[in-house]
Amino acid sequence: MKNDPFEIHEIDHLSPSSVNTFIDDICLWIMRYLFGYRHGGSPAMWRGTVSDHGVGNLFGLNDADKIYTKAEAIKEAEAEYIRLHNYCVREYPDQIINKDKYTKEKRDLPKYLNAAFDFYLKLGKPSDYQKEVNLYVDDIPVPIQGYIDLQYEDIIRDIKTAGRMPNKVSDAHARQVSVYAKAEECMPMLDYISPTGEVKTLPVMDVDGRIEEVRKIALAIMNLLSISNDKHEIANMFYPNFDSWKWGEDEVKFAKTIWSIK
C-alpha cells in the first residue's frame, strides 16, 4: 500500500483499546496515539493488572519455578499494587492520584482475588496465558494486536474486575474479546469478578459482527490519518470536551499544549 497513513504517523498496529478509544473520545485518541500521551494508570487499572497477574501466579504462569498458594498470591498482588503506585508517582510526578480510590482499591483487592482464585481453580490451569495475538482485517495494513488473559482449548476468557456487576457485555468489551476469539477461532467469555465474591460469566456470540465493527472503526482511523501527514492539522479538526469524566487533570494539562488552550 503506497503512502500508508499508519506508517506515516508511526503506528505499526492497532489494539482493541485504541479502536474503542477512537469512537469513545477522538481527542483522547489523538492525544494518546498521535502525540504519545502516557500516564501511570489509576487505582482501578492497577487492581485489574495485579488481579490478572495474581491468577497467573496461582498457576505458576508468571514464574515457571514458582506456583503460589492463595495467600502468597494475594501478598504478591498487594505488593505489586504498591509498586505500580510508586512507579506512577516517580515517573509521572504531575499526575494526580485520588487517595480515597487508592485506599479503597487496596483494601478490596483481597476480596477480588479470593473470588477470582476460587473460580479459576475450579477451571484448572489454562493452556495459554497472556498470549499475544495479531489479527488482520480486510483493507487495513496493520494488525489489531492484543493479549488473551486465559485460554482453555477452544475458549478464551478475559478477567474483568468490576465494582458493580454488569447486566450485559458492553460493546467495547465485546469488540475486545472478539478480536482475540477471531484470531484463535475460539469462543469468547468475559468473567466479571466482584469484591462481594460473585463471578458472572457472559459470552459474546456475534464475533463476526463485532469484527466487522472493528474493521469499520479501523477504516475510519485510516481515513482520518490520510487527511494529513501533520498530526497538528488532524488535531485541529476537533476540540476536546473537558467536561467529560474521562478527562483527568493531567490529561487536560497535556491536551492544552496540543490545542493551545490557556
Protein backbone atom coordinates (compact mmCIF):
# COMPACT_ATOMS: atom_id res chain seq x y z
CA MET A 1 0.00 0.00 0.00
CA LYS A 2 1.56 3.29 -1.12
CA ASN A 3 1.67 6.21 1.29
CA ASP A 4 0.43 4.08 4.14
CA PRO A 5 -1.06 6.61 6.60
CA PHE A 6 -0.31 4.35 9.55
CA GLU A 7 3.36 4.22 8.60
CA ILE A 8 3.47 7.99 8.08
CA HIS A 9 2.12 8.52 11.60
CA GLU A 10 4.37 5.80 13.06
CA ILE A 11 1.52 3.49 14.05
CA ASP A 12 2.56 -0.13 13.49
CA HIS A 13 -0.54 -1.74 15.00
CA LEU A 14 -3.94 -1.01 16.45
CA SER A 15 -5.42 -2.60 19.56
CA PRO A 16 -8.91 -3.15 20.98
CA SER A 17 -8.17 -0.25 23.34
CA SER A 18 -7.18 2.16 20.56
CA VAL A 19 -10.19 1.14 18.46
CA ASN A 20 -12.57 1.68 21.36
CA THR A 21 -10.97 4.98 22.39
CA PHE A 22 -11.33 6.31 18.83
CA ILE A 23 -15.12 6.12 18.90
CA ASP A 24 -15.40 6.93 22.60
CA ASP A 25 -13.41 10.19 22.55
CA ILE A 26 -11.50 11.09 19.42
CA CYS A 27 -9.49 13.84 21.12
CA LEU A 28 -8.23 11.39 23.73
CA TRP A 29 -7.30 9.07 20.86
CA ILE A 30 -5.37 11.83 19.09
CA MET A 31 -3.57 12.75 22.29
CA ARG A 32 -2.57 9.15 23.08
CA TYR A 33 -1.83 7.69 19.68
CA LEU A 34 -0.59 10.68 17.67
CA PHE A 35 1.03 12.77 20.40
CA GLY A 36 2.24 9.93 22.63
CA TYR A 37 0.49 10.89 25.86
CA ARG A 38 1.26 8.39 28.62
CA HIS A 39 0.26 8.13 32.23
CA GLY A 40 0.93 5.87 35.17
CA GLY A 41 -2.52 4.29 35.34
CA SER A 42 -5.15 4.58 38.06
CA PRO A 43 -6.10 2.58 41.16
CA ALA A 44 -8.78 0.70 39.18
CA MET A 45 -6.29 -0.10 36.41
CA TRP A 46 -3.71 -1.30 38.93
CA ARG A 47 -6.36 -3.50 40.55
CA GLY A 48 -7.10 -5.11 37.18
CA THR A 49 -3.44 -5.62 36.35
CA VAL A 50 -2.48 -7.25 39.64
CA SER A 51 -5.60 -9.43 39.57
CA ASP A 52 -4.58 -10.79 36.16
CA HIS A 53 -1.07 -11.42 37.42
CA GLY A 54 -2.43 -12.96 40.61
CA VAL A 55 -4.30 -15.62 38.65
CA GLY A 56 -1.15 -16.29 36.65
CA ASN A 57 0.88 -16.68 39.84
CA LEU A 58 -1.65 -19.15 41.18
CA PHE A 59 -0.82 -21.48 38.28
CA GLY A 60 2.90 -20.68 38.10
CA LEU A 61 2.48 -18.92 34.76
CA ASN A 62 4.48 -15.78 35.54
CA ASP A 63 7.42 -17.61 37.08
CA ALA A 64 7.93 -21.18 35.90
CA ASP A 65 9.83 -22.01 39.09
CA LYS A 66 7.07 -20.96 41.48
CA ILE A 67 3.42 -21.86 41.95
CA TYR A 68 1.93 -19.56 44.56
CA THR A 69 -0.51 -20.50 47.28
CA LYS A 70 -3.59 -18.30 47.51
CA ALA A 71 -2.11 -16.43 50.47
CA GLU A 72 1.22 -15.92 48.68
CA ALA A 73 -0.50 -14.74 45.51
CA ILE A 74 -2.56 -12.20 47.45
CA LYS A 75 0.52 -10.92 49.26
CA GLU A 76 2.41 -10.54 45.98
CA ALA A 77 -0.57 -8.78 44.35
CA GLU A 78 -0.73 -6.29 47.21
CA ALA A 79 2.99 -5.64 46.85
CA GLU A 80 2.65 -5.19 43.07
CA TYR A 81 -0.23 -2.75 43.58
CA ILE A 82 2.04 -0.61 45.76
CA ARG A 83 4.87 -0.90 43.21
CA LEU A 84 2.58 0.34 40.42
CA HIS A 85 1.52 3.27 42.58
CA ASN A 86 5.12 4.12 43.40
CA TYR A 87 6.13 3.87 39.74
CA CYS A 88 3.36 6.31 38.83
CA VAL A 89 4.45 8.76 41.50
CA ARG A 90 8.09 8.51 40.42
CA GLU A 91 7.67 8.59 36.64
CA TYR A 92 4.60 10.83 36.37
CA PRO A 93 5.03 13.30 39.22
CA ASP A 94 2.39 15.69 37.83
CA GLN A 95 -0.31 13.01 37.74
CA ILE A 96 -2.91 13.38 40.47
CA ILE A 97 -3.89 10.14 42.21
CA ASN A 98 -7.17 10.02 44.11
CA LYS A 99 -6.09 8.95 47.60
CA ASP A 100 -9.55 7.66 48.58
CA LYS A 101 -9.74 5.47 45.47
CA TYR A 102 -6.20 4.25 46.04
CA THR A 103 -7.04 3.22 49.61
CA LYS A 104 -10.37 1.61 48.68
CA GLU A 105 -8.92 -0.47 45.84
CA LYS A 106 -6.04 -1.58 48.03
CA ARG A 107 -8.46 -2.61 50.79
CA ASP A 108 -10.76 -4.51 48.42
CA LEU A 109 -8.01 -6.24 46.47
CA PRO A 110 -8.01 -9.47 48.56
CA LYS A 111 -11.77 -9.74 48.04
CA TYR A 112 -11.42 -9.62 44.26
CA LEU A 113 -8.52 -12.06 44.35
CA ASN A 114 -10.22 -14.62 46.59
CA ALA A 115 -13.25 -14.63 44.31
CA ALA A 116 -11.07 -14.99 41.21
CA PHE A 117 -8.88 -17.70 42.73
CA ASP A 118 -11.82 -19.85 43.81
CA PHE A 119 -13.36 -19.54 40.34
CA TYR A 120 -10.26 -20.30 38.27
CA LEU A 121 -9.00 -23.10 40.49
CA LYS A 122 -12.21 -24.95 39.61
CA LEU A 123 -11.49 -24.45 35.90
CA GLY A 124 -7.90 -25.62 36.27
CA LYS A 125 -4.70 -24.45 34.65
CA PRO A 126 -5.24 -22.70 31.30
CA SER A 127 -3.47 -23.87 28.15
CA ASP A 128 -2.23 -20.32 27.46
CA TYR A 129 -1.82 -17.14 29.48
CA GLN A 130 -1.29 -13.56 28.27
CA LYS A 131 -0.90 -14.85 24.73
CA GLU A 132 -0.20 -12.21 22.09
CA VAL A 133 -2.45 -12.26 19.04
CA ASN A 134 -2.31 -10.21 15.83
CA LEU A 135 -5.47 -10.11 13.75
CA TYR A 136 -5.51 -8.69 10.23
CA VAL A 137 -8.82 -7.44 8.86
CA ASP A 138 -9.69 -6.57 5.28
CA ASP A 139 -8.42 -3.24 3.91
CA ILE A 140 -6.29 -2.42 6.97
CA PRO A 141 -2.49 -2.72 6.54
CA VAL A 142 -1.65 -3.04 10.25
CA PRO A 143 -2.76 -5.77 12.66
CA ILE A 144 -5.11 -5.47 15.61
CA GLN A 145 -2.87 -6.61 18.46
CA GLY A 146 -3.98 -7.86 21.83
CA TYR A 147 -3.24 -10.23 24.69
CA ILE A 148 -5.50 -13.07 25.79
CA ASP A 149 -5.77 -13.36 29.57
CA LEU A 150 -6.58 -17.08 29.67
CA GLN A 151 -7.18 -19.73 27.02
CA TYR A 152 -8.77 -23.12 27.65
CA GLU A 153 -8.64 -25.21 24.49
CA ASP A 154 -11.40 -23.63 22.34
CA ILE A 155 -12.46 -20.96 24.86
CA ILE A 156 -10.74 -17.69 25.65
CA ARG A 157 -11.53 -15.92 28.92
CA ASP A 158 -10.96 -12.28 29.83
CA ILE A 159 -10.70 -11.31 33.50
CA LYS A 160 -12.69 -8.19 34.40
CA THR A 161 -12.69 -6.96 37.98
CA ALA A 162 -15.83 -4.89 38.49
CA GLY A 163 -17.07 -2.80 41.38
CA ARG A 164 -20.59 -3.36 40.10
CA MET A 165 -21.76 -6.35 38.09
CA PRO A 166 -22.92 -5.55 34.54
CA ASN A 167 -26.23 -6.83 33.21
CA LYS A 168 -24.75 -7.31 29.76
CA VAL A 169 -21.45 -7.16 27.91
CA SER A 170 -20.59 -3.63 26.80
CA ASP A 171 -19.90 -3.02 23.12
CA ALA A 172 -16.29 -2.14 23.97
CA HIS A 173 -15.70 -5.39 25.85
CA ALA A 174 -17.44 -7.37 23.09
CA ARG A 175 -15.18 -5.90 20.43
CA GLN A 176 -12.11 -6.55 22.58
CA VAL A 177 -12.66 -10.26 23.16
CA SER A 178 -13.97 -10.79 19.63
CA VAL A 179 -10.54 -9.79 18.31
CA TYR A 180 -8.96 -12.48 20.49
CA ALA A 181 -11.61 -15.04 19.57
CA LYS A 182 -11.34 -14.42 15.84
CA ALA A 183 -7.55 -14.65 15.94
CA GLU A 184 -7.71 -18.01 17.72
CA GLU A 185 -11.03 -19.30 16.33
CA CYS A 186 -12.30 -19.68 19.89
CA MET A 187 -15.42 -18.90 21.90
CA PRO A 188 -15.03 -15.66 23.90
CA MET A 189 -16.08 -15.39 27.54
CA LEU A 190 -15.85 -12.46 29.94
CA ASP A 191 -15.53 -13.25 33.66
CA TYR A 192 -16.67 -10.32 35.79
CA ILE A 193 -15.21 -10.56 39.30
CA SER A 194 -16.90 -8.70 42.18
CA PRO A 195 -15.46 -7.88 45.63
CA THR A 196 -18.62 -9.46 47.06
CA GLY A 197 -17.30 -12.83 45.86
CA GLU A 198 -19.64 -13.10 42.89
CA VAL A 199 -18.32 -14.13 39.48
CA LYS A 200 -20.54 -13.63 36.45
CA THR A 201 -19.54 -15.16 33.11
CA LEU A 202 -21.01 -13.61 29.98
CA PRO A 203 -20.35 -14.93 26.46
CA VAL A 204 -20.07 -12.93 23.25
CA MET A 205 -21.98 -14.64 20.48
CA ASP A 206 -21.75 -12.44 17.35
CA VAL A 207 -17.98 -12.47 16.87
CA ASP A 208 -18.08 -11.84 13.12
CA GLY A 209 -20.42 -8.90 13.58
CA ARG A 210 -18.10 -7.39 16.17
CA ILE A 211 -15.09 -7.89 13.92
CA GLU A 212 -16.90 -6.00 11.16
CA GLU A 213 -17.36 -3.15 13.66
CA VAL A 214 -13.64 -3.24 14.40
CA ARG A 215 -12.83 -3.20 10.68
CA LYS A 216 -15.06 -0.18 10.04
CA ILE A 217 -13.60 1.73 13.00
CA ALA A 218 -10.06 0.88 11.84
CA LEU A 219 -11.00 2.11 8.37
CA ALA A 220 -12.27 5.37 9.90
CA ILE A 221 -8.93 5.74 11.71
CA MET A 222 -7.05 5.17 8.46
CA ASN A 223 -9.23 7.70 6.62
CA LEU A 224 -8.57 10.30 9.31
CA LEU A 225 -4.82 9.69 9.19
CA SER A 226 -4.95 10.01 5.38
CA ILE A 227 -6.11 13.62 5.60
CA SER A 228 -2.71 14.97 6.55
CA ASN A 229 0.84 13.96 7.38
CA ASP A 230 0.75 16.66 10.08
CA LYS A 231 -0.69 15.46 13.39
CA HIS A 232 -1.36 19.04 14.47
CA GLU A 233 -3.53 19.59 11.41
CA ILE A 234 -5.51 16.46 12.29
CA ALA A 235 -5.86 17.55 15.93
CA ASN A 236 -7.18 20.96 14.90
CA MET A 237 -10.14 19.30 13.18
CA PHE A 238 -11.51 18.57 16.67
CA TYR A 239 -11.77 20.17 20.09
CA PRO A 240 -11.66 18.39 23.46
CA ASN A 241 -14.60 18.27 25.87
CA PHE A 242 -13.03 18.69 29.29
CA ASP A 243 -16.45 18.35 30.97
CA SER A 244 -16.34 14.61 30.26
CA TRP A 245 -15.46 12.41 33.25
CA LYS A 246 -12.85 10.70 31.08
CA TRP A 247 -10.57 13.74 31.32
CA GLY A 248 -8.43 13.91 34.43
CA GLU A 249 -6.39 16.95 35.38
CA ASP A 250 -3.19 15.55 33.88
CA GLU A 251 -4.94 14.74 30.56
CA VAL A 252 -6.37 18.26 30.45
CA LYS A 253 -2.96 19.80 31.11
CA PHE A 254 -1.36 17.80 28.27
CA ALA A 255 -4.24 18.48 25.88
CA LYS A 256 -4.00 22.23 26.41
CA THR A 257 -0.50 22.16 24.91
CA ILE A 258 -1.84 20.41 21.79
CA TRP A 259 -4.89 22.61 21.27
CA SER A 260 -3.20 25.82 22.53
CA ILE A 261 -5.77 26.32 25.27
CA LYS A 262 -4.97 28.72 28.10
